[in-house]
Amino acid sequence: MHKYSLGLIGFTSGIVSYYTSNSFDTRDTPGFLPYDLCAGIIFGIAISFFVFFFLPSIKKSRFWLLQLASWIIVSMVSYYFAVHTTVTIIDPASSNYAPQPFIEYLAFFVGGSLGAFLMLLGFHFLLVPIKQYRFIVLVILGGILGLSSFLGTNSLNPLFVLFIVWQTGMAFGLGWCLDHNKVNNYA
């Protein structure tokens, strides 16, 4: 049941992340977070609200507020490294004259996998433990979902697709882990 609720939260987070990230550019504005951190923060806040309201076990911890705040930071950092890893891999390829789609696919897969790995690591240690095989499945899923930007067309922005598909898929995956952990008294 958690997977459907979290999937919906991820979908909403993906839409809000896209419009927030593309509505302003604060890279050169002192005192503001760079715009490319917003999606990670929004996703972290969305998942934190779910955990706070639907997983009463988190409130049993003396440090639940610190755990949720740390999770939001981990989500932001995960997104940052995913984006910058993807851009770093693609950038050398963009200076070549011949298109190199394999490099772009590889970049989005690696970026999506890295973002998922870091995000899941934080979720595992800060909020709810994740079984090892589910962790591995979700890291691979993060890479596959990273490829969703290639589903965009001229009428549908590839980043819009990427935000919605990745955040929905990973939130659903977290719910899959939570549903499994019900028997372990985490949910």
Protein backbone atom coordinates (compact mmCIF):
# COMPACT_ATOMS: atom_id res chain seq x y z
CA MET A 1 0.00 0.00 0.00
CA HIS A 2 2.88 2.38 0.77
CA LYS A 3 4.25 1.99 -2.75
CA TYR A 4 1.13 3.50 -4.34
CA SER A 5 0.99 6.40 -1.90
CA LEU A 6 4.70 7.10 -2.32
CA GLY A 7 4.40 6.72 -6.10
CA LEU A 8 1.75 9.46 -6.12
CA ILE A 9 3.91 11.62 -3.85
CA GLY A 10 6.87 11.05 -6.20
CA PHE A 11 4.75 12.01 -9.21
CA THR A 12 3.66 15.23 -7.52
CA SER A 13 7.21 15.93 -6.38
CA GLY A 14 8.45 15.41 -9.95
CA ILE A 15 6.02 17.98 -11.33
CA VAL A 16 6.79 20.52 -8.60
CA SER A 17 10.54 19.88 -9.00
CA TYR A 18 10.43 20.50 -12.73
CA TYR A 19 8.51 23.76 -12.50
CA THR A 20 10.50 25.00 -9.52
CA SER A 21 13.84 24.16 -11.11
CA ASN A 22 12.93 25.84 -14.38
CA SER A 23 11.16 28.91 -13.02
CA PHE A 24 14.25 30.68 -11.76
CA ASP A 25 18.00 30.60 -12.19
CA THR A 26 19.93 31.65 -9.09
CA ARG A 27 23.41 30.48 -10.04
CA ASP A 28 24.79 34.01 -9.95
CA THR A 29 22.62 35.34 -7.11
CA PRO A 30 24.45 35.46 -3.77
CA GLY A 31 22.54 33.97 -0.86
CA PHE A 32 20.37 31.60 -2.91
CA LEU A 33 20.69 27.88 -3.41
CA PRO A 34 21.65 26.93 -6.95
CA TYR A 35 18.56 25.96 -8.90
CA ASP A 36 19.89 22.49 -9.51
CA LEU A 37 19.49 21.62 -5.83
CA CYS A 38 15.75 22.36 -5.71
CA ALA A 39 14.60 19.01 -7.11
CA GLY A 40 16.55 17.09 -4.49
CA ILE A 41 15.19 19.26 -1.69
CA ILE A 42 11.60 18.95 -2.91
CA PHE A 43 11.88 15.16 -3.25
CA GLY A 44 13.44 14.94 0.22
CA ILE A 45 10.69 17.06 1.78
CA ALA A 46 7.95 15.07 0.05
CA ILE A 47 9.32 11.74 1.28
CA SER A 48 9.88 13.22 4.75
CA PHE A 49 6.24 14.24 5.03
CA PHE A 50 5.15 10.73 4.13
CA VAL A 51 7.55 9.17 6.64
CA PHE A 52 6.47 11.56 9.39
CA PHE A 53 2.73 11.09 8.89
CA PHE A 54 2.51 7.44 7.86
CA LEU A 55 5.36 5.71 9.68
CA PRO A 56 4.76 6.23 13.39
CA SER A 57 7.92 4.32 14.23
CA ILE A 58 10.06 7.31 13.15
CA LYS A 59 8.60 9.39 16.01
CA LYS A 60 9.81 6.82 18.54
CA SER A 61 13.35 8.00 17.90
CA ARG A 62 14.62 10.85 20.08
CA PHE A 63 16.26 12.37 17.02
CA TRP A 64 13.41 12.03 14.49
CA LEU A 65 13.59 15.68 13.45
CA LEU A 66 17.33 15.44 12.88
CA GLN A 67 16.81 12.22 10.91
CA LEU A 68 14.25 13.83 8.61
CA ALA A 69 16.34 16.99 8.14
CA SER A 70 19.40 14.86 7.38
CA TRP A 71 17.37 12.84 4.88
CA ILE A 72 16.41 16.05 3.04
CA ILE A 73 20.09 17.03 2.87
CA VAL A 74 21.01 13.55 1.61
CA SER A 75 18.31 13.80 -1.05
CA MET A 76 19.65 17.20 -2.15
CA VAL A 77 23.26 15.95 -2.27
CA SER A 78 22.19 12.82 -4.17
CA TYR A 79 20.48 14.92 -6.80
CA TYR A 80 23.47 17.24 -7.06
CA PHE A 81 25.90 14.37 -7.66
CA ALA A 82 23.55 12.67 -10.12
CA VAL A 83 23.24 15.82 -12.24
CA HIS A 84 26.91 16.74 -12.11
CA THR A 85 28.07 13.21 -12.84
CA THR A 86 25.79 13.10 -15.88
CA VAL A 87 27.00 16.48 -17.12
CA THR A 88 30.64 15.56 -16.51
CA ILE A 89 30.34 12.40 -18.58
CA ILE A 90 28.48 14.14 -21.43
CA ASP A 91 30.63 17.30 -21.55
CA PRO A 92 33.73 15.80 -23.15
CA ALA A 93 31.49 14.08 -25.70
CA SER A 94 29.79 17.38 -26.62
CA SER A 95 33.08 18.83 -27.89
CA ASN A 96 33.28 16.12 -30.56
CA TYR A 97 31.77 16.78 -33.96
CA ALA A 98 30.09 13.40 -34.29
CA PRO A 99 27.07 12.67 -32.10
CA GLN A 100 27.75 10.04 -29.48
CA PRO A 101 24.43 8.70 -28.20
CA PHE A 102 26.10 5.84 -26.33
CA ILE A 103 27.96 8.35 -24.13
CA GLU A 104 24.70 10.18 -23.39
CA TYR A 105 22.88 6.95 -22.50
CA LEU A 106 25.79 5.91 -20.32
CA ALA A 107 25.87 9.32 -18.62
CA PHE A 108 22.18 9.28 -17.73
CA PHE A 109 22.35 5.67 -16.55
CA VAL A 110 25.39 6.33 -14.35
CA GLY A 111 23.92 9.59 -13.03
CA GLY A 112 20.57 7.96 -12.25
CA SER A 113 22.29 5.01 -10.57
CA LEU A 114 24.58 7.23 -8.50
CA GLY A 115 21.69 9.43 -7.40
CA ALA A 116 19.67 6.36 -6.45
CA PHE A 117 22.62 4.80 -4.60
CA LEU A 118 23.28 7.89 -2.47
CA MET A 119 19.59 8.50 -1.84
CA LEU A 120 19.00 4.87 -0.82
CA LEU A 121 22.06 4.89 1.42
CA GLY A 122 20.62 7.87 3.30
CA PHE A 123 17.18 6.31 3.47
CA HIS A 124 18.64 3.05 4.77
CA PHE A 125 20.73 4.60 7.53
CA LEU A 126 18.51 7.53 8.49
CA LEU A 127 14.94 6.30 8.10
CA VAL A 128 14.20 2.66 7.31
CA PRO A 129 16.60 -0.23 6.64
CA ILE A 130 16.45 -1.66 3.11
CA LYS A 131 17.27 -5.28 2.36
CA GLN A 132 20.43 -5.70 0.30
CA TYR A 133 18.83 -7.22 -2.80
CA ARG A 134 16.12 -4.53 -2.87
CA PHE A 135 18.84 -1.91 -2.53
CA ILE A 136 20.66 -3.34 -5.58
CA VAL A 137 17.43 -3.60 -7.59
CA LEU A 138 16.59 0.04 -6.83
CA VAL A 139 20.07 1.29 -7.77
CA ILE A 140 19.74 -0.43 -11.15
CA LEU A 141 16.19 0.92 -11.46
CA GLY A 142 17.55 4.42 -10.75
CA GLY A 143 19.90 4.05 -13.71
CA ILE A 144 17.14 2.79 -15.99
CA LEU A 145 14.84 5.60 -14.88
CA GLY A 146 17.68 8.03 -15.62
CA LEU A 147 17.30 7.04 -19.27
CA SER A 148 13.74 8.34 -19.27
CA SER A 149 14.91 11.75 -20.45
CA PHE A 150 15.29 10.17 -23.88
CA LEU A 151 11.53 9.58 -23.96
CA GLY A 152 10.96 13.32 -24.33
CA THR A 153 10.01 14.62 -27.75
CA ASN A 154 9.72 18.01 -29.37
CA SER A 155 6.36 18.53 -27.69
CA LEU A 156 7.36 17.06 -24.32
CA ASN A 157 10.41 18.40 -22.52
CA PRO A 158 12.91 15.59 -21.77
CA LEU A 159 13.67 17.03 -18.33
CA PHE A 160 9.98 17.11 -17.51
CA VAL A 161 9.79 13.40 -18.34
CA LEU A 162 12.98 12.67 -16.38
CA PHE A 163 11.80 14.45 -13.22
CA ILE A 164 8.40 12.77 -13.20
CA VAL A 165 9.53 9.28 -14.17
CA TRP A 166 12.61 9.14 -11.90
CA GLN A 167 10.96 10.58 -8.81
CA THR A 168 7.78 8.53 -9.27
CA GLY A 169 9.74 5.33 -9.86
CA MET A 170 12.12 5.80 -6.95
CA ALA A 171 9.34 6.83 -4.56
CA PHE A 172 7.39 3.73 -5.64
CA GLY A 173 10.55 1.69 -5.01
CA LEU A 174 10.88 3.12 -1.50
CA GLY A 175 7.27 2.16 -0.90
CA TRP A 176 8.05 -1.35 -2.16
CA CYS A 177 10.75 -1.55 0.51
CA LEU A 178 8.41 -0.19 3.19
CA ASP A 179 5.68 -2.66 2.29
CA HIS A 180 8.19 -5.44 2.72
CA ASN A 181 9.37 -4.05 6.06
CA LYS A 182 5.88 -4.09 7.60
CA VAL A 183 6.61 -7.52 9.02
CA ASN A 184 9.81 -6.12 10.52
CA ASN A 185 7.85 -3.43 12.42
CA TYR A 186 9.34 -0.47 10.53
CA ALA A 187 6.10 0.60 8.92
